[in-house]
Amino acid sequence: MLLLFFYHYIKLKSFSSKNSHIDTIIVSLNYDDLWEIREDRFLGDERIEQKMNQNIFMFEIEDYFDLLKANPVSVILQSLVMYSEFYNLQIEGRSLIGEYKILERYKLEQAKEIFWEGKEEDVSGVISQSELKYLIRVYKYCESHHLKLILINTPLHPLLEKELNKHEKDHIDLINKNMPNASYLNHANFVLPDSAFSDLSHLNYKGATIYSQYLQEQFDK
C-alpha cells in the first residue's frame, strides 16, 4: 500500500534530475505519517484519480506497477481516463503542477470534536512497510546524488501534538536507524494560535505564512 512517500519519491527523481542546482531536499515527516492506519484514505478511488492525474507523467515503470498492485481496479480505470486528460493538457495548454493554492479552510472546531470522540481508541503506531520503503528510497536517492535531506516534523495543534509526542522516541529511533545522515527538525510543538490551523494537523494560509517565514529565517542563517 502506498501514500505520501511514494509520490514524494517520484517527484524527487523528476525535479532533481531537471534542476541540477538543487542541493537540499526538505520532506515533512510527522509522527504518524508512516503509520498503517493512514494508508486507506490515500488509496481510495478519489485519491488515486487525483494523484495519478497530477503525477503520472513522472512515473517510471516500477512506480506504476507498485501503484497498480496497491489498487488495481482504480489504477487501470484511471489509466484509461488519462489518455483523454493528456489530450486536453496538450490542446488547452493546461498544467497540473507548479501552482500554489491558498488554504482558507477552517475546520478546527469539527476536528476537535472528532478528536475527543475518538480519544479512547487505541493508536498502535504500527509502521507501514511500503511507506517506509519509499521514504528510505528518498533518502538513498539523496545520498547517491549528494543532496542534503532535511526531515521536518511540521506544526501540529497542541491537542494532537500532546497525544502524539509519546511516540517521539520511536520516531527518532526510526530515523536514526534508517536515515542516519538525514537532518531532523522537530517543529511539532511550534507555537501558533488556533486561527492558524485548518484542522489539527494542517495549517491554513495564515499559519503557512507564519511558519514559512520562520523557516526562511532559519535557513538563511
N, C-alpha and C. Protein backbone atom coordinates (compact mmCIF):
# COMPACT_ATOMS: atom_id res chain seq x y z
N MET A 1 0.84 -1.19 0.00
CA MET A 1 0.00 0.00 0.00
C MET A 1 0.89 1.26 0.00
N LEU A 2 0.43 2.28 -0.70
CA LEU A 2 1.27 3.44 -0.92
C LEU A 2 0.51 4.72 -0.66
N LEU A 3 1.20 5.71 -0.11
CA LEU A 3 0.57 7.01 0.02
C LEU A 3 1.57 8.13 -0.14
N LEU A 4 1.88 8.86 0.89
CA LEU A 4 2.67 10.08 0.77
C LEU A 4 4.03 9.89 0.11
N PHE A 5 4.83 8.99 0.63
CA PHE A 5 6.23 8.95 0.25
C PHE A 5 6.45 8.29 -1.11
N PHE A 6 5.50 7.54 -1.57
CA PHE A 6 5.53 7.05 -2.95
C PHE A 6 5.58 8.23 -3.91
N TYR A 7 4.68 9.20 -3.71
CA TYR A 7 4.63 10.37 -4.58
C TYR A 7 5.81 11.31 -4.35
N HIS A 8 6.27 11.42 -3.10
CA HIS A 8 7.47 12.22 -2.83
C HIS A 8 8.65 11.70 -3.64
N TYR A 9 8.78 10.39 -3.68
CA TYR A 9 9.92 9.76 -4.35
C TYR A 9 9.90 10.02 -5.86
N ILE A 10 8.77 9.84 -6.49
CA ILE A 10 8.74 10.02 -7.94
C ILE A 10 8.92 11.50 -8.30
N LYS A 11 8.41 12.41 -7.47
CA LYS A 11 8.60 13.84 -7.74
C LYS A 11 10.06 14.24 -7.53
N LEU A 12 10.67 13.69 -6.48
CA LEU A 12 12.08 13.99 -6.22
C LEU A 12 12.95 13.60 -7.41
N LYS A 13 12.76 12.40 -7.94
CA LYS A 13 13.57 11.94 -9.06
C LYS A 13 13.40 12.85 -10.28
N SER A 14 12.17 13.22 -10.54
CA SER A 14 11.88 14.02 -11.73
C SER A 14 12.44 15.43 -11.63
N PHE A 15 12.17 16.10 -10.53
CA PHE A 15 12.56 17.50 -10.41
C PHE A 15 14.05 17.68 -10.19
N SER A 16 14.67 16.80 -9.40
CA SER A 16 16.10 16.97 -9.15
C SER A 16 16.91 16.68 -10.40
N SER A 17 16.43 15.76 -11.24
CA SER A 17 17.16 15.44 -12.47
C SER A 17 17.13 16.59 -13.46
N LYS A 18 16.12 17.45 -13.34
CA LYS A 18 15.98 18.58 -14.27
C LYS A 18 16.45 19.90 -13.67
N ASN A 19 16.86 19.86 -12.42
CA ASN A 19 17.29 21.08 -11.73
C ASN A 19 18.57 20.79 -10.96
N SER A 20 19.67 20.82 -11.67
CA SER A 20 20.95 20.41 -11.10
C SER A 20 21.44 21.35 -10.00
N HIS A 21 20.85 22.56 -9.91
CA HIS A 21 21.29 23.50 -8.87
C HIS A 21 20.75 23.13 -7.49
N ILE A 22 19.75 22.25 -7.42
CA ILE A 22 19.17 21.86 -6.13
C ILE A 22 20.20 21.07 -5.33
N ASP A 23 20.41 21.48 -4.06
CA ASP A 23 21.35 20.76 -3.22
C ASP A 23 20.73 20.28 -1.91
N THR A 24 19.49 20.69 -1.65
CA THR A 24 18.84 20.33 -0.39
C THR A 24 17.38 19.95 -0.65
N ILE A 25 16.96 18.87 -0.03
CA ILE A 25 15.57 18.40 -0.14
C ILE A 25 14.94 18.43 1.25
N ILE A 26 13.78 19.05 1.36
CA ILE A 26 13.06 19.12 2.63
C ILE A 26 11.79 18.29 2.53
N VAL A 27 11.63 17.35 3.45
CA VAL A 27 10.48 16.46 3.44
C VAL A 27 9.78 16.51 4.80
N SER A 28 8.48 16.69 4.78
CA SER A 28 7.70 16.67 6.01
C SER A 28 7.55 15.23 6.50
N LEU A 29 7.81 15.02 7.79
CA LEU A 29 7.66 13.69 8.38
C LEU A 29 7.10 13.83 9.79
N ASN A 30 5.77 13.81 9.87
CA ASN A 30 5.12 13.89 11.18
C ASN A 30 5.13 12.53 11.87
N TYR A 31 4.78 12.55 13.15
CA TYR A 31 4.82 11.33 13.95
C TYR A 31 4.06 10.18 13.28
N ASP A 32 2.90 10.47 12.70
CA ASP A 32 2.02 9.41 12.21
C ASP A 32 2.03 9.24 10.69
N ASP A 33 2.93 9.90 10.00
CA ASP A 33 2.94 9.83 8.54
C ASP A 33 3.21 8.43 8.00
N LEU A 34 3.92 7.62 8.77
CA LEU A 34 4.28 6.29 8.31
C LEU A 34 3.36 5.20 8.86
N TRP A 35 2.34 5.56 9.58
CA TRP A 35 1.50 4.56 10.22
C TRP A 35 0.58 3.89 9.22
N GLU A 36 0.40 2.57 9.41
CA GLU A 36 -0.50 1.80 8.54
C GLU A 36 -1.92 2.34 8.54
N ILE A 37 -2.36 2.87 9.68
CA ILE A 37 -3.75 3.32 9.82
C ILE A 37 -4.09 4.44 8.85
N ARG A 38 -3.08 5.14 8.32
CA ARG A 38 -3.32 6.25 7.40
C ARG A 38 -3.42 5.82 5.93
N GLU A 39 -3.09 4.57 5.65
CA GLU A 39 -2.97 4.15 4.25
C GLU A 39 -4.27 4.20 3.48
N ASP A 40 -5.35 3.70 4.06
CA ASP A 40 -6.60 3.53 3.32
C ASP A 40 -7.13 4.84 2.74
N ARG A 41 -6.96 5.93 3.47
CA ARG A 41 -7.52 7.20 2.98
C ARG A 41 -6.81 7.68 1.72
N PHE A 42 -5.59 7.20 1.47
CA PHE A 42 -4.85 7.61 0.29
C PHE A 42 -4.99 6.64 -0.87
N LEU A 43 -5.67 5.51 -0.61
CA LEU A 43 -5.80 4.50 -1.66
C LEU A 43 -7.22 4.40 -2.22
N GLY A 44 -8.11 5.29 -1.79
CA GLY A 44 -9.47 5.30 -2.32
C GLY A 44 -9.48 5.77 -3.76
N ASP A 45 -10.58 5.52 -4.43
CA ASP A 45 -10.70 5.86 -5.86
C ASP A 45 -10.45 7.35 -6.12
N GLU A 46 -10.97 8.20 -5.24
CA GLU A 46 -10.84 9.65 -5.45
C GLU A 46 -9.39 10.09 -5.38
N ARG A 47 -8.64 9.56 -4.40
CA ARG A 47 -7.24 9.93 -4.26
C ARG A 47 -6.38 9.37 -5.39
N ILE A 48 -6.68 8.14 -5.81
CA ILE A 48 -5.95 7.58 -6.94
C ILE A 48 -6.13 8.45 -8.17
N GLU A 49 -7.38 8.86 -8.42
CA GLU A 49 -7.66 9.72 -9.58
C GLU A 49 -6.89 11.02 -9.49
N GLN A 50 -6.95 11.66 -8.32
CA GLN A 50 -6.29 12.95 -8.15
C GLN A 50 -4.78 12.83 -8.31
N LYS A 51 -4.18 11.88 -7.63
CA LYS A 51 -2.72 11.76 -7.62
C LYS A 51 -2.17 11.28 -8.96
N MET A 52 -2.88 10.37 -9.61
CA MET A 52 -2.40 9.93 -10.92
C MET A 52 -2.46 11.07 -11.92
N ASN A 53 -3.52 11.85 -11.90
CA ASN A 53 -3.63 12.99 -12.80
C ASN A 53 -2.47 13.95 -12.64
N GLN A 54 -2.06 14.14 -11.40
CA GLN A 54 -1.01 15.13 -11.11
C GLN A 54 0.39 14.60 -11.35
N ASN A 55 0.58 13.28 -11.22
CA ASN A 55 1.95 12.77 -11.14
C ASN A 55 2.33 11.70 -12.15
N ILE A 56 1.39 11.17 -12.92
CA ILE A 56 1.71 10.00 -13.74
C ILE A 56 2.80 10.27 -14.78
N PHE A 57 2.93 11.51 -15.23
CA PHE A 57 3.95 11.80 -16.24
C PHE A 57 5.36 11.67 -15.66
N MET A 58 5.47 11.56 -14.33
CA MET A 58 6.78 11.38 -13.70
C MET A 58 7.04 9.93 -13.31
N PHE A 59 6.05 9.05 -13.51
CA PHE A 59 6.20 7.65 -13.11
C PHE A 59 7.27 6.95 -13.95
N GLU A 60 8.04 6.09 -13.31
CA GLU A 60 8.82 5.09 -14.01
C GLU A 60 8.00 3.81 -13.95
N ILE A 61 8.37 2.83 -14.76
CA ILE A 61 7.55 1.62 -14.88
C ILE A 61 7.38 0.92 -13.53
N GLU A 62 8.43 0.91 -12.72
CA GLU A 62 8.34 0.27 -11.40
C GLU A 62 7.33 0.99 -10.52
N ASP A 63 7.29 2.33 -10.60
CA ASP A 63 6.35 3.10 -9.79
C ASP A 63 4.91 2.77 -10.18
N TYR A 64 4.69 2.68 -11.49
CA TYR A 64 3.34 2.38 -11.98
C TYR A 64 2.86 1.02 -11.47
N PHE A 65 3.71 0.02 -11.55
CA PHE A 65 3.30 -1.31 -11.13
C PHE A 65 3.15 -1.44 -9.61
N ASP A 66 3.91 -0.66 -8.87
CA ASP A 66 3.71 -0.64 -7.41
C ASP A 66 2.33 -0.08 -7.07
N LEU A 67 1.93 0.98 -7.75
CA LEU A 67 0.61 1.56 -7.52
C LEU A 67 -0.48 0.62 -8.01
N LEU A 68 -0.22 -0.04 -9.12
CA LEU A 68 -1.18 -0.99 -9.68
C LEU A 68 -1.47 -2.13 -8.69
N LYS A 69 -0.43 -2.62 -8.02
CA LYS A 69 -0.62 -3.69 -7.04
C LYS A 69 -1.42 -3.21 -5.85
N ALA A 70 -1.29 -1.93 -5.50
CA ALA A 70 -1.98 -1.41 -4.33
C ALA A 70 -3.48 -1.24 -4.56
N ASN A 71 -3.89 -0.84 -5.77
CA ASN A 71 -5.31 -0.64 -6.08
C ASN A 71 -5.51 -0.87 -7.58
N PRO A 72 -5.53 -2.14 -8.02
CA PRO A 72 -5.53 -2.45 -9.46
C PRO A 72 -6.72 -1.90 -10.23
N VAL A 73 -7.92 -1.99 -9.68
CA VAL A 73 -9.11 -1.55 -10.41
C VAL A 73 -9.06 -0.05 -10.69
N SER A 74 -8.82 0.74 -9.65
CA SER A 74 -8.80 2.19 -9.82
C SER A 74 -7.66 2.65 -10.72
N VAL A 75 -6.51 2.01 -10.60
CA VAL A 75 -5.36 2.41 -11.41
C VAL A 75 -5.61 2.11 -12.89
N ILE A 76 -6.17 0.96 -13.20
CA ILE A 76 -6.47 0.61 -14.60
C ILE A 76 -7.50 1.57 -15.18
N LEU A 77 -8.58 1.81 -14.43
CA LEU A 77 -9.61 2.73 -14.92
C LEU A 77 -9.05 4.13 -15.12
N GLN A 78 -8.26 4.58 -14.17
CA GLN A 78 -7.70 5.92 -14.29
C GLN A 78 -6.68 6.02 -15.41
N SER A 79 -5.99 4.92 -15.70
CA SER A 79 -5.04 4.92 -16.82
C SER A 79 -5.75 5.17 -18.13
N LEU A 80 -6.95 4.59 -18.28
CA LEU A 80 -7.74 4.82 -19.49
C LEU A 80 -8.21 6.26 -19.58
N VAL A 81 -8.63 6.79 -18.45
CA VAL A 81 -9.09 8.18 -18.41
C VAL A 81 -7.96 9.14 -18.78
N MET A 82 -6.73 8.79 -18.40
CA MET A 82 -5.61 9.69 -18.59
C MET A 82 -5.31 9.97 -20.06
N TYR A 83 -5.68 9.06 -20.96
CA TYR A 83 -5.47 9.33 -22.38
C TYR A 83 -6.18 10.61 -22.79
N SER A 84 -7.44 10.75 -22.40
CA SER A 84 -8.18 11.96 -22.75
C SER A 84 -7.65 13.16 -21.99
N GLU A 85 -7.20 12.93 -20.78
CA GLU A 85 -6.67 14.04 -19.97
C GLU A 85 -5.39 14.59 -20.60
N PHE A 86 -4.51 13.70 -21.04
CA PHE A 86 -3.29 14.16 -21.68
C PHE A 86 -3.61 14.94 -22.96
N TYR A 87 -4.64 14.51 -23.68
CA TYR A 87 -5.05 15.22 -24.89
C TYR A 87 -5.46 16.64 -24.53
N ASN A 88 -6.26 16.77 -23.46
CA ASN A 88 -6.70 18.10 -23.04
C ASN A 88 -5.52 18.97 -22.60
N LEU A 89 -4.56 18.36 -21.93
CA LEU A 89 -3.39 19.11 -21.49
C LEU A 89 -2.63 19.68 -22.68
N GLN A 90 -2.50 18.87 -23.74
CA GLN A 90 -1.76 19.32 -24.91
C GLN A 90 -2.53 20.38 -25.69
N ILE A 91 -3.83 20.16 -25.90
CA ILE A 91 -4.64 21.08 -26.70
C ILE A 91 -4.86 22.40 -25.98
N GLU A 92 -5.17 22.33 -24.68
CA GLU A 92 -5.52 23.53 -23.94
C GLU A 92 -4.32 24.17 -23.26
N GLY A 93 -3.21 23.47 -23.24
CA GLY A 93 -2.02 24.04 -22.62
C GLY A 93 -2.10 24.13 -21.12
N ARG A 94 -2.93 23.29 -20.51
CA ARG A 94 -3.08 23.34 -19.05
C ARG A 94 -1.95 22.59 -18.37
N SER A 95 -1.66 23.00 -17.15
CA SER A 95 -0.63 22.33 -16.37
C SER A 95 -1.21 21.92 -15.04
N LEU A 96 -0.73 20.78 -14.52
CA LEU A 96 -1.21 20.28 -13.23
C LEU A 96 -0.19 20.47 -12.13
N ILE A 97 0.92 21.13 -12.42
CA ILE A 97 1.95 21.34 -11.41
C ILE A 97 2.36 22.80 -11.37
N GLY A 98 3.11 23.14 -10.33
CA GLY A 98 3.65 24.49 -10.23
C GLY A 98 2.67 25.53 -9.72
N GLU A 99 1.58 25.11 -9.12
CA GLU A 99 0.60 26.05 -8.60
C GLU A 99 0.57 26.01 -7.08
N TYR A 100 0.18 27.13 -6.50
CA TYR A 100 0.02 27.20 -5.06
C TYR A 100 -1.40 27.65 -4.76
N LYS A 101 -2.08 26.87 -3.97
CA LYS A 101 -3.48 27.17 -3.66
C LYS A 101 -3.59 27.58 -2.21
N ILE A 102 -4.11 28.78 -1.97
CA ILE A 102 -4.26 29.26 -0.59
C ILE A 102 -5.33 28.43 0.12
N LEU A 103 -4.97 27.85 1.26
CA LEU A 103 -5.90 27.03 2.02
C LEU A 103 -6.63 27.91 3.04
N GLU A 104 -7.88 28.24 2.73
CA GLU A 104 -8.67 29.07 3.62
C GLU A 104 -9.57 28.26 4.53
N ARG A 105 -9.55 26.94 4.37
CA ARG A 105 -10.41 26.05 5.16
C ARG A 105 -10.17 26.24 6.65
N TYR A 106 -11.28 26.28 7.40
CA TYR A 106 -11.17 26.34 8.86
C TYR A 106 -12.16 25.33 9.44
N LYS A 107 -11.65 24.16 9.74
CA LYS A 107 -12.47 23.10 10.30
C LYS A 107 -11.91 22.63 11.63
N LEU A 108 -11.29 23.55 12.35
CA LEU A 108 -10.62 23.17 13.59
C LEU A 108 -11.60 22.70 14.64
N GLU A 109 -12.73 23.39 14.78
CA GLU A 109 -13.69 23.00 15.82
C GLU A 109 -14.26 21.61 15.55
N GLN A 110 -14.57 21.33 14.28
CA GLN A 110 -15.07 19.99 13.93
C GLN A 110 -13.99 18.94 14.21
N ALA A 111 -12.73 19.29 13.90
CA ALA A 111 -11.62 18.35 14.12
C ALA A 111 -11.44 18.08 15.61
N LYS A 112 -11.64 19.09 16.45
CA LYS A 112 -11.54 18.90 17.90
C LYS A 112 -12.63 17.95 18.39
N GLU A 113 -13.84 18.12 17.87
CA GLU A 113 -14.94 17.24 18.27
C GLU A 113 -14.64 15.79 17.90
N ILE A 114 -14.15 15.58 16.68
CA ILE A 114 -13.80 14.23 16.24
C ILE A 114 -12.68 13.66 17.10
N PHE A 115 -11.74 14.51 17.44
CA PHE A 115 -10.61 14.07 18.29
C PHE A 115 -11.11 13.55 19.63
N TRP A 116 -11.99 14.31 20.28
CA TRP A 116 -12.47 13.90 21.60
C TRP A 116 -13.37 12.68 21.51
N GLU A 117 -14.13 12.56 20.43
CA GLU A 117 -14.99 11.38 20.26
C GLU A 117 -14.16 10.10 20.12
N GLY A 118 -12.99 10.21 19.49
CA GLY A 118 -12.16 9.03 19.28
C GLY A 118 -11.01 8.91 20.26
N LYS A 119 -11.09 9.66 21.35
CA LYS A 119 -9.97 9.74 22.30
C LYS A 119 -9.63 8.39 22.93
N GLU A 120 -10.60 7.52 23.09
CA GLU A 120 -10.35 6.25 23.76
C GLU A 120 -9.84 5.16 22.81
N GLU A 121 -9.81 5.47 21.52
CA GLU A 121 -9.34 4.48 20.56
C GLU A 121 -7.85 4.22 20.73
N ASP A 122 -7.46 2.98 20.58
CA ASP A 122 -6.05 2.61 20.69
C ASP A 122 -5.33 2.92 19.39
N VAL A 123 -4.28 3.71 19.50
CA VAL A 123 -3.46 4.04 18.34
C VAL A 123 -2.12 3.34 18.51
N SER A 124 -1.90 2.31 17.71
CA SER A 124 -0.73 1.45 17.92
C SER A 124 0.56 2.01 17.35
N GLY A 125 0.45 2.82 16.31
CA GLY A 125 1.66 3.33 15.70
C GLY A 125 2.39 2.30 14.86
N VAL A 126 1.67 1.28 14.37
CA VAL A 126 2.29 0.26 13.52
C VAL A 126 2.75 0.90 12.21
N ILE A 127 3.99 0.61 11.83
CA ILE A 127 4.59 1.25 10.67
C ILE A 127 4.19 0.54 9.37
N SER A 128 3.85 1.34 8.37
CA SER A 128 3.59 0.82 7.04
C SER A 128 4.92 0.52 6.36
N GLN A 129 5.19 -0.73 6.06
CA GLN A 129 6.47 -1.10 5.48
C GLN A 129 6.63 -0.58 4.05
N SER A 130 5.53 -0.48 3.32
CA SER A 130 5.63 0.04 1.95
C SER A 130 5.96 1.53 1.96
N GLU A 131 5.36 2.26 2.90
CA GLU A 131 5.67 3.68 3.01
C GLU A 131 7.11 3.90 3.47
N LEU A 132 7.52 3.11 4.45
CA LEU A 132 8.90 3.21 4.93
C LEU A 132 9.87 2.90 3.78
N LYS A 133 9.53 1.93 2.96
CA LYS A 133 10.38 1.58 1.81
C LYS A 133 10.61 2.78 0.91
N TYR A 134 9.53 3.52 0.63
CA TYR A 134 9.67 4.66 -0.27
C TYR A 134 10.34 5.86 0.39
N LEU A 135 10.17 6.02 1.69
CA LEU A 135 10.90 7.08 2.38
C LEU A 135 12.39 6.77 2.36
N ILE A 136 12.75 5.51 2.57
CA ILE A 136 14.16 5.12 2.52
C ILE A 136 14.71 5.30 1.11
N ARG A 137 13.86 5.09 0.09
CA ARG A 137 14.30 5.34 -1.28
C ARG A 137 14.58 6.83 -1.50
N VAL A 138 13.76 7.67 -0.90
CA VAL A 138 14.03 9.12 -0.95
C VAL A 138 15.41 9.40 -0.36
N TYR A 139 15.65 8.82 0.80
CA TYR A 139 16.93 9.03 1.50
C TYR A 139 18.10 8.52 0.65
N LYS A 140 17.99 7.32 0.12
CA LYS A 140 19.09 6.74 -0.66
C LYS A 140 19.33 7.52 -1.96
N TYR A 141 18.24 8.01 -2.54
CA TYR A 141 18.40 8.83 -3.74
C TYR A 141 19.19 10.09 -3.41
N CYS A 142 18.84 10.72 -2.30
CA CYS A 142 19.56 11.93 -1.88
C CYS A 142 21.03 11.62 -1.60
N GLU A 143 21.28 10.50 -0.95
CA GLU A 143 22.66 10.11 -0.65
C GLU A 143 23.46 9.90 -1.93
N SER A 144 22.88 9.19 -2.87
CA SER A 144 23.61 8.86 -4.10
C SER A 144 23.78 10.05 -5.03
N HIS A 145 22.95 11.09 -4.85
CA HIS A 145 23.04 12.28 -5.70
C HIS A 145 23.57 13.48 -4.93
N HIS A 146 24.15 13.23 -3.77
CA HIS A 146 24.80 14.28 -2.97
C HIS A 146 23.84 15.43 -2.63
N LEU A 147 22.63 15.05 -2.26
CA LEU A 147 21.62 16.02 -1.83
C LEU A 147 21.45 15.92 -0.32
N LYS A 148 21.39 17.06 0.33
CA LYS A 148 21.16 17.08 1.76
C LYS A 148 19.66 16.88 2.02
N LEU A 149 19.32 15.92 2.86
CA LEU A 149 17.92 15.65 3.18
C LEU A 149 17.60 16.17 4.57
N ILE A 150 16.57 17.03 4.65
CA ILE A 150 16.10 17.55 5.93
C ILE A 150 14.68 17.06 6.15
N LEU A 151 14.46 16.33 7.23
CA LEU A 151 13.14 15.85 7.61
C LEU A 151 12.58 16.78 8.66
N ILE A 152 11.36 17.28 8.44
CA ILE A 152 10.76 18.22 9.37
C ILE A 152 9.44 17.67 9.90
N ASN A 153 9.34 17.58 11.21
CA ASN A 153 8.09 17.26 11.89
C ASN A 153 7.33 18.58 12.01
N THR A 154 6.41 18.82 11.11
CA THR A 154 5.77 20.13 10.97
C THR A 154 4.75 20.40 12.08
N PRO A 155 4.34 21.67 12.25
CA PRO A 155 3.48 22.05 13.38
C PRO A 155 2.16 21.29 13.44
N LEU A 156 1.81 20.88 14.65
CA LEU A 156 0.53 20.25 14.96
C LEU A 156 -0.20 21.10 15.97
N HIS A 157 -1.52 21.02 15.95
CA HIS A 157 -2.28 21.69 17.00
C HIS A 157 -1.91 21.05 18.34
N PRO A 158 -1.82 21.85 19.42
CA PRO A 158 -1.41 21.31 20.73
C PRO A 158 -2.19 20.08 21.19
N LEU A 159 -3.48 19.99 20.85
CA LEU A 159 -4.26 18.80 21.23
C LEU A 159 -3.66 17.54 20.64
N LEU A 160 -3.35 17.60 19.34
CA LEU A 160 -2.83 16.43 18.66
C LEU A 160 -1.36 16.19 19.02
N GLU A 161 -0.61 17.28 19.15
CA GLU A 161 0.81 17.14 19.49
C GLU A 161 0.98 16.47 20.84
N LYS A 162 0.14 16.83 21.80
CA LYS A 162 0.22 16.21 23.12
C LYS A 162 -0.08 14.72 23.06
N GLU A 163 -0.98 14.33 22.17
CA GLU A 163 -1.35 12.93 22.03
C GLU A 163 -0.27 12.12 21.31
N LEU A 164 0.42 12.75 20.36
CA LEU A 164 1.36 12.00 19.52
C LEU A 164 2.80 12.06 20.01
N ASN A 165 3.13 13.04 20.87
CA ASN A 165 4.54 13.18 21.23
C ASN A 165 5.08 12.03 22.07
N LYS A 166 4.19 11.15 22.56
CA LYS A 166 4.65 9.96 23.27
C LYS A 166 5.36 8.99 22.32
N HIS A 167 5.19 9.22 21.02
CA HIS A 167 5.85 8.38 20.02
C HIS A 167 7.17 9.00 19.55
N GLU A 168 7.59 10.08 20.19
CA GLU A 168 8.76 10.81 19.71
C GLU A 168 10.02 9.93 19.69
N LYS A 169 10.27 9.18 20.74
CA LYS A 169 11.48 8.36 20.79
C LYS A 169 11.50 7.34 19.66
N ASP A 170 10.38 6.63 19.45
CA ASP A 170 10.30 5.65 18.36
C ASP A 170 10.50 6.34 17.01
N HIS A 171 9.95 7.54 16.90
CA HIS A 171 10.06 8.33 15.66
C HIS A 171 11.53 8.64 15.37
N ILE A 172 12.24 9.12 16.37
CA ILE A 172 13.65 9.47 16.20
C ILE A 172 14.50 8.23 15.98
N ASP A 173 14.20 7.16 16.71
CA ASP A 173 14.96 5.91 16.54
C ASP A 173 14.82 5.38 15.12
N LEU A 174 13.60 5.47 14.55
CA LEU A 174 13.38 5.00 13.19
C LEU A 174 14.21 5.81 12.20
N ILE A 175 14.27 7.12 12.41
CA ILE A 175 15.06 7.98 11.52
C ILE A 175 16.54 7.66 11.64
N ASN A 176 17.03 7.55 12.87
CA ASN A 176 18.46 7.28 13.09
C ASN A 176 18.88 5.93 12.51
N LYS A 177 17.99 4.95 12.61
CA LYS A 177 18.31 3.61 12.13
C LYS A 177 18.34 3.54 10.60
N ASN A 178 17.36 4.16 9.96
CA ASN A 178 17.19 4.01 8.52
C ASN A 178 17.77 5.16 7.68
N MET A 179 17.94 6.34 8.29
CA MET A 179 18.41 7.51 7.55
C MET A 179 19.41 8.28 8.39
N PRO A 180 20.54 7.68 8.73
CA PRO A 180 21.47 8.27 9.70
C PRO A 180 22.07 9.61 9.30
N ASN A 181 22.16 9.89 8.01
CA ASN A 181 22.77 11.14 7.57
C ASN A 181 21.76 12.25 7.32
N ALA A 182 20.49 11.97 7.50
CA ALA A 182 19.46 13.00 7.31
C ALA A 182 19.41 13.91 8.53
N SER A 183 19.13 15.17 8.30
CA SER A 183 18.90 16.11 9.41
C SER A 183 17.44 16.05 9.82
N TYR A 184 17.18 16.23 11.10
CA TYR A 184 15.81 16.14 11.60
C TYR A 184 15.49 17.36 12.44
N LEU A 185 14.38 18.04 12.11
CA LEU A 185 13.90 19.19 12.86
C LEU A 185 12.51 18.89 13.38
N ASN A 186 12.34 18.98 14.69
CA ASN A 186 11.03 18.71 15.28
C ASN A 186 10.33 20.02 15.61
N HIS A 187 9.38 20.40 14.77
CA HIS A 187 8.60 21.63 14.96
C HIS A 187 7.15 21.31 15.29
N ALA A 188 6.90 20.11 15.77
CA ALA A 188 5.51 19.71 16.05
C ALA A 188 4.86 20.62 17.08
N ASN A 189 5.65 21.13 18.02
CA ASN A 189 5.09 21.99 19.06
C ASN A 189 5.33 23.48 18.78
N PHE A 190 5.56 23.81 17.50
CA PHE A 190 5.72 25.21 17.10
C PHE A 190 4.46 25.99 17.52
N VAL A 191 4.64 27.08 18.24
CA VAL A 191 3.51 27.79 18.84
C VAL A 191 2.80 28.66 17.81
N LEU A 192 1.51 28.38 17.63
CA LEU A 192 0.66 29.14 16.72
C LEU A 192 -0.72 29.28 17.34
N PRO A 193 -1.44 30.36 17.01
CA PRO A 193 -2.82 30.50 17.52
C PRO A 193 -3.77 29.56 16.80
N ASP A 194 -4.93 29.30 17.38
CA ASP A 194 -5.92 28.43 16.74
C ASP A 194 -6.29 28.92 15.35
N SER A 195 -6.27 30.23 15.16
CA SER A 195 -6.67 30.81 13.87
C SER A 195 -5.71 30.44 12.75
N ALA A 196 -4.54 29.85 13.08
CA ALA A 196 -3.55 29.48 12.08
C ALA A 196 -3.75 28.06 11.55
N PHE A 197 -4.68 27.31 12.17
CA PHE A 197 -4.88 25.91 11.80
C PHE A 197 -6.16 25.73 11.00
N SER A 198 -6.10 24.85 9.99
CA SER A 198 -7.32 24.48 9.27
C SER A 198 -7.96 23.27 9.93
N ASP A 199 -7.16 22.44 10.58
CA ASP A 199 -7.63 21.33 11.40
C ASP A 199 -6.50 21.01 12.38
N LEU A 200 -6.50 19.84 12.98
CA LEU A 200 -5.49 19.54 13.99
C LEU A 200 -4.10 19.28 13.42
N SER A 201 -4.01 18.94 12.15
CA SER A 201 -2.71 18.58 11.59
C SER A 201 -2.31 19.40 10.36
N HIS A 202 -3.13 20.39 9.98
CA HIS A 202 -2.82 21.21 8.82
C HIS A 202 -2.94 22.69 9.15
N LEU A 203 -2.02 23.47 8.60
CA LEU A 203 -2.10 24.92 8.74
C LEU A 203 -2.94 25.50 7.61
N ASN A 204 -3.65 26.59 7.90
CA ASN A 204 -4.30 27.32 6.82
C ASN A 204 -3.30 28.35 6.29
N TYR A 205 -3.74 29.24 5.42
CA TYR A 205 -2.81 30.16 4.79
C TYR A 205 -2.16 31.11 5.80
N LYS A 206 -2.88 31.42 6.89
CA LYS A 206 -2.29 32.28 7.92
C LYS A 206 -1.12 31.58 8.60
N GLY A 207 -1.37 30.34 9.02
CA GLY A 207 -0.32 29.57 9.67
C GLY A 207 0.83 29.27 8.74
N ALA A 208 0.50 28.97 7.46
CA ALA A 208 1.54 28.66 6.48
C ALA A 208 2.46 29.85 6.26
N THR A 209 1.88 31.06 6.26
CA THR A 209 2.68 32.27 6.08
C THR A 209 3.64 32.47 7.25
N ILE A 210 3.12 32.32 8.47
CA ILE A 210 3.96 32.49 9.66
C ILE A 210 5.08 31.46 9.70
N TYR A 211 4.72 30.20 9.45
CA TYR A 211 5.70 29.13 9.54
C TYR A 211 6.73 29.21 8.41
N SER A 212 6.28 29.56 7.22
CA SER A 212 7.20 29.68 6.09
C SER A 212 8.22 30.79 6.34
N GLN A 213 7.76 31.90 6.91
CA GLN A 213 8.68 32.99 7.23
C GLN A 213 9.71 32.55 8.27
N TYR A 214 9.25 31.78 9.25
CA TYR A 214 10.16 31.26 10.27
C TYR A 214 11.22 30.35 9.64
N LEU A 215 10.79 29.43 8.77
CA LEU A 215 11.73 28.54 8.11
C LEU A 215 12.73 29.31 7.26
N GLN A 216 12.25 30.31 6.54
CA GLN A 216 13.14 31.12 5.71
C GLN A 216 14.21 31.77 6.55
N GLU A 217 13.81 32.30 7.71
CA GLU A 217 14.79 32.95 8.60
C GLU A 217 15.81 31.94 9.11
N GLN A 218 15.36 30.74 9.44
CA GLN A 218 16.27 29.70 9.96
C GLN A 218 17.27 29.25 8.89
N PHE A 219 16.78 29.06 7.68
CA PHE A 219 17.65 28.54 6.62
C PHE A 219 18.57 29.62 6.06
N ASP A 220 18.22 30.89 6.29
CA ASP A 220 19.07 31.99 5.81
C ASP A 220 20.23 32.28 6.76
N LYS A 221 20.19 31.69 7.95
CA LYS A 221 21.25 31.97 8.93
C LYS A 221 22.59 31.38 8.48
